[in-house]
Amino acid sequence: MTDYNTTNTRFIIPGLQGLYAALAPVTVLYMRLIAGIAFMVHGWPKIMSPMGAVGMVEGLGFHPGWFWSPLLAGTEFFGGLLLALGLLTRPAAFAVSIVLCVTTYFHWVVQAEGFGGAEKSLLWLGITLYFVAHGGGRLSLDRAIGKQF
C-alpha cells in the first residue's frame, strides 16, 4: 500500500513537502470515495432489476445473459461499495476494471464512437487500475484491519 513518503523526494520548493505529505492520503480517499459512489449509483438500477441488462450483455456477446446481467449488477454496485469503503480494495477495483474494459470496447468499437465515446470509461479505468496497483491507501478499511489482498 502506498505510504506517501515524500522524504526522499527533492522538491523545487522544499517547504511544500509537508503539505503534499498531509494531502496525499486525503486525496486518495476522495478519489476512492468518488469512484466507489459513482459505481454504486451506476449499479443501483441494475441491482433493482438484475435481469434488466440481459439483452444488453447478450448483444455484447456475453451468453447466457441471465448469468451475466446479475453479475454486472453486483460488480458495479458491490464493487463500488467495497471500493468506497476501502475493503478488499484490490479485487473490487480489479472486477470493476474488467467492466470498464468492456465498456471501453463497447463505446470505441461496437458503437464506433472512438476515443470520444470511450473517454469516460478510460478515465475511470485509470482510477480503478490505480487502486489495483496501490490498494486503498492509508485511510481505508484494509489498512485499519491490517490486511490487504
Protein backbone atom coordinates (compact mmCIF):
# COMPACT_ATOMS: atom_id res chain seq x y z
CA MET A 1 0.00 0.00 0.00
CA THR A 2 1.28 3.49 -0.76
CA ASP A 3 2.71 5.26 2.28
CA TYR A 4 3.02 8.67 0.60
CA ASN A 5 6.60 9.07 1.75
CA THR A 6 7.98 12.31 0.41
CA THR A 7 11.21 12.34 2.45
CA ASN A 8 13.35 11.07 -0.46
CA THR A 9 11.87 13.46 -2.99
CA ARG A 10 13.71 16.67 -3.88
CA PHE A 11 11.19 19.46 -4.26
CA ILE A 12 11.72 22.72 -6.11
CA ILE A 13 10.01 24.40 -3.15
CA PRO A 14 11.03 22.25 -0.16
CA GLY A 15 8.52 23.94 2.11
CA LEU A 16 5.69 22.22 0.24
CA GLN A 17 6.85 18.73 1.28
CA GLY A 18 4.77 18.73 4.46
CA LEU A 19 1.68 19.96 2.63
CA TYR A 20 1.97 17.24 -0.01
CA ALA A 21 2.51 14.56 2.63
CA ALA A 22 -0.58 15.73 4.52
CA LEU A 23 -2.80 15.98 1.42
CA ALA A 24 -1.81 12.68 -0.22
CA PRO A 25 -3.91 10.28 1.89
CA VAL A 26 -6.91 12.63 1.83
CA THR A 27 -6.83 12.96 -1.95
CA VAL A 28 -6.59 9.18 -2.37
CA LEU A 29 -9.56 8.79 0.00
CA TYR A 30 -11.51 11.36 -2.04
CA MET A 31 -10.71 9.61 -5.32
CA ARG A 32 -11.68 6.22 -3.86
CA LEU A 33 -14.94 7.55 -2.40
CA ILE A 34 -15.99 9.33 -5.59
CA ALA A 35 -15.18 6.29 -7.74
CA GLY A 36 -16.93 3.88 -5.39
CA ILE A 37 -20.05 6.02 -5.04
CA ALA A 38 -20.19 6.58 -8.80
CA PHE A 39 -20.14 2.84 -9.45
CA MET A 40 -22.77 2.26 -6.77
CA VAL A 41 -25.03 4.88 -8.36
CA HIS A 42 -24.45 3.35 -11.78
CA GLY A 43 -25.09 -0.16 -10.48
CA TRP A 44 -28.15 0.61 -8.31
CA PRO A 45 -30.73 0.43 -11.14
CA LYS A 46 -29.21 -2.89 -12.21
CA ILE A 47 -29.43 -4.21 -8.62
CA MET A 48 -33.10 -3.23 -8.55
CA SER A 49 -33.67 -5.13 -11.80
CA PRO A 50 -30.85 -7.67 -12.09
CA MET A 51 -32.23 -9.22 -15.26
CA GLY A 52 -32.80 -5.85 -16.90
CA ALA A 53 -29.48 -5.90 -18.76
CA VAL A 54 -29.89 -9.40 -20.26
CA GLY A 55 -30.40 -8.05 -23.78
CA MET A 56 -27.52 -5.62 -23.49
CA VAL A 57 -24.98 -8.18 -22.26
CA GLU A 58 -26.09 -10.74 -24.84
CA GLY A 59 -25.79 -8.04 -27.50
CA LEU A 60 -22.15 -7.71 -26.46
CA GLY A 61 -21.65 -11.45 -26.84
CA PHE A 62 -21.93 -12.46 -23.17
CA HIS A 63 -24.13 -15.55 -23.11
CA PRO A 64 -26.17 -16.54 -21.24
CA GLY A 65 -27.50 -13.11 -20.33
CA TRP A 66 -29.32 -14.46 -17.28
CA PHE A 67 -25.87 -15.17 -15.78
CA TRP A 68 -24.00 -12.05 -16.88
CA SER A 69 -26.69 -9.46 -16.17
CA PRO A 70 -26.83 -10.03 -12.37
CA LEU A 71 -23.04 -10.42 -12.31
CA LEU A 72 -22.72 -6.99 -13.94
CA ALA A 73 -25.19 -5.53 -11.42
CA GLY A 74 -23.31 -6.98 -8.47
CA THR A 75 -19.92 -5.99 -9.80
CA GLU A 76 -20.92 -2.38 -10.32
CA PHE A 77 -22.85 -1.92 -7.07
CA PHE A 78 -20.96 -4.10 -4.59
CA GLY A 79 -17.60 -3.44 -6.24
CA GLY A 80 -18.32 0.26 -5.84
CA LEU A 81 -19.33 -0.23 -2.20
CA LEU A 82 -16.12 -2.14 -1.41
CA LEU A 83 -14.08 0.45 -3.26
CA ALA A 84 -15.70 3.31 -1.33
CA LEU A 85 -15.07 1.53 1.96
CA GLY A 86 -11.54 0.59 1.02
CA LEU A 87 -12.30 -3.03 1.89
CA LEU A 88 -10.88 -5.73 -0.39
CA THR A 89 -9.90 -2.74 -2.48
CA ARG A 90 -7.68 -4.50 -4.99
CA PRO A 91 -10.08 -7.30 -6.00
CA ALA A 92 -13.02 -4.87 -6.08
CA ALA A 93 -11.07 -2.45 -8.26
CA PHE A 94 -9.94 -5.31 -10.50
CA ALA A 95 -13.52 -6.52 -11.02
CA VAL A 96 -14.73 -3.01 -11.85
CA SER A 97 -11.73 -2.58 -14.18
CA ILE A 98 -12.89 -5.59 -16.19
CA VAL A 99 -16.34 -3.99 -16.59
CA LEU A 100 -14.63 -0.77 -17.70
CA CYS A 101 -12.57 -2.64 -20.31
CA VAL A 102 -15.83 -3.97 -21.73
CA THR A 103 -17.46 -0.52 -21.72
CA THR A 104 -14.40 0.91 -23.45
CA TYR A 105 -14.68 -1.74 -26.16
CA PHE A 106 -18.43 -1.18 -26.39
CA HIS A 107 -18.16 2.57 -26.93
CA TRP A 108 -14.99 2.59 -29.02
CA VAL A 109 -15.67 -0.41 -31.29
CA VAL A 110 -19.29 -1.57 -31.11
CA GLN A 111 -20.81 1.91 -31.07
CA ALA A 112 -17.99 3.20 -33.32
CA GLU A 113 -17.63 6.31 -31.14
CA GLY A 114 -13.86 6.10 -30.97
CA PHE A 115 -11.92 7.83 -28.23
CA GLY A 116 -14.64 10.42 -27.66
CA GLY A 117 -17.15 7.76 -26.75
CA ALA A 118 -14.75 5.71 -24.65
CA GLU A 119 -13.06 8.63 -22.90
CA LYS A 120 -15.01 8.41 -19.62
CA SER A 121 -14.52 4.65 -19.41
CA LEU A 122 -10.79 5.12 -19.99
CA LEU A 123 -10.56 7.76 -17.26
CA TRP A 124 -12.46 5.58 -14.77
CA LEU A 125 -10.28 2.64 -15.79
CA GLY A 126 -7.18 4.66 -14.95
CA ILE A 127 -8.60 5.35 -11.49
CA THR A 128 -9.56 1.75 -10.80
CA LEU A 129 -6.22 0.45 -12.04
CA TYR A 130 -4.53 2.83 -9.61
CA PHE A 131 -6.33 1.06 -6.77
CA VAL A 132 -5.50 -2.37 -8.20
CA ALA A 133 -1.81 -1.42 -8.06
CA HIS A 134 -1.71 0.64 -4.85
CA GLY A 135 -4.56 -0.62 -2.68
CA GLY A 136 -6.98 1.54 -0.72
CA GLY A 137 -4.47 3.84 0.89
CA ARG A 138 -3.83 4.94 4.44
CA LEU A 139 -7.48 5.88 5.10
CA SER A 140 -9.05 2.54 4.14
CA LEU A 141 -10.62 -0.36 5.99
CA ASP A 142 -7.94 -2.60 4.51
CA ARG A 143 -5.34 -0.54 6.37
CA ALA A 144 -7.48 -0.33 9.52
CA ILE A 145 -7.74 -4.12 9.82
CA GLY A 146 -4.09 -4.53 8.91
CA LYS A 147 -4.66 -6.86 5.97
CA GLN A 148 -4.92 -6.42 2.26
CA PHE A 149 -5.47 -8.68 -0.68
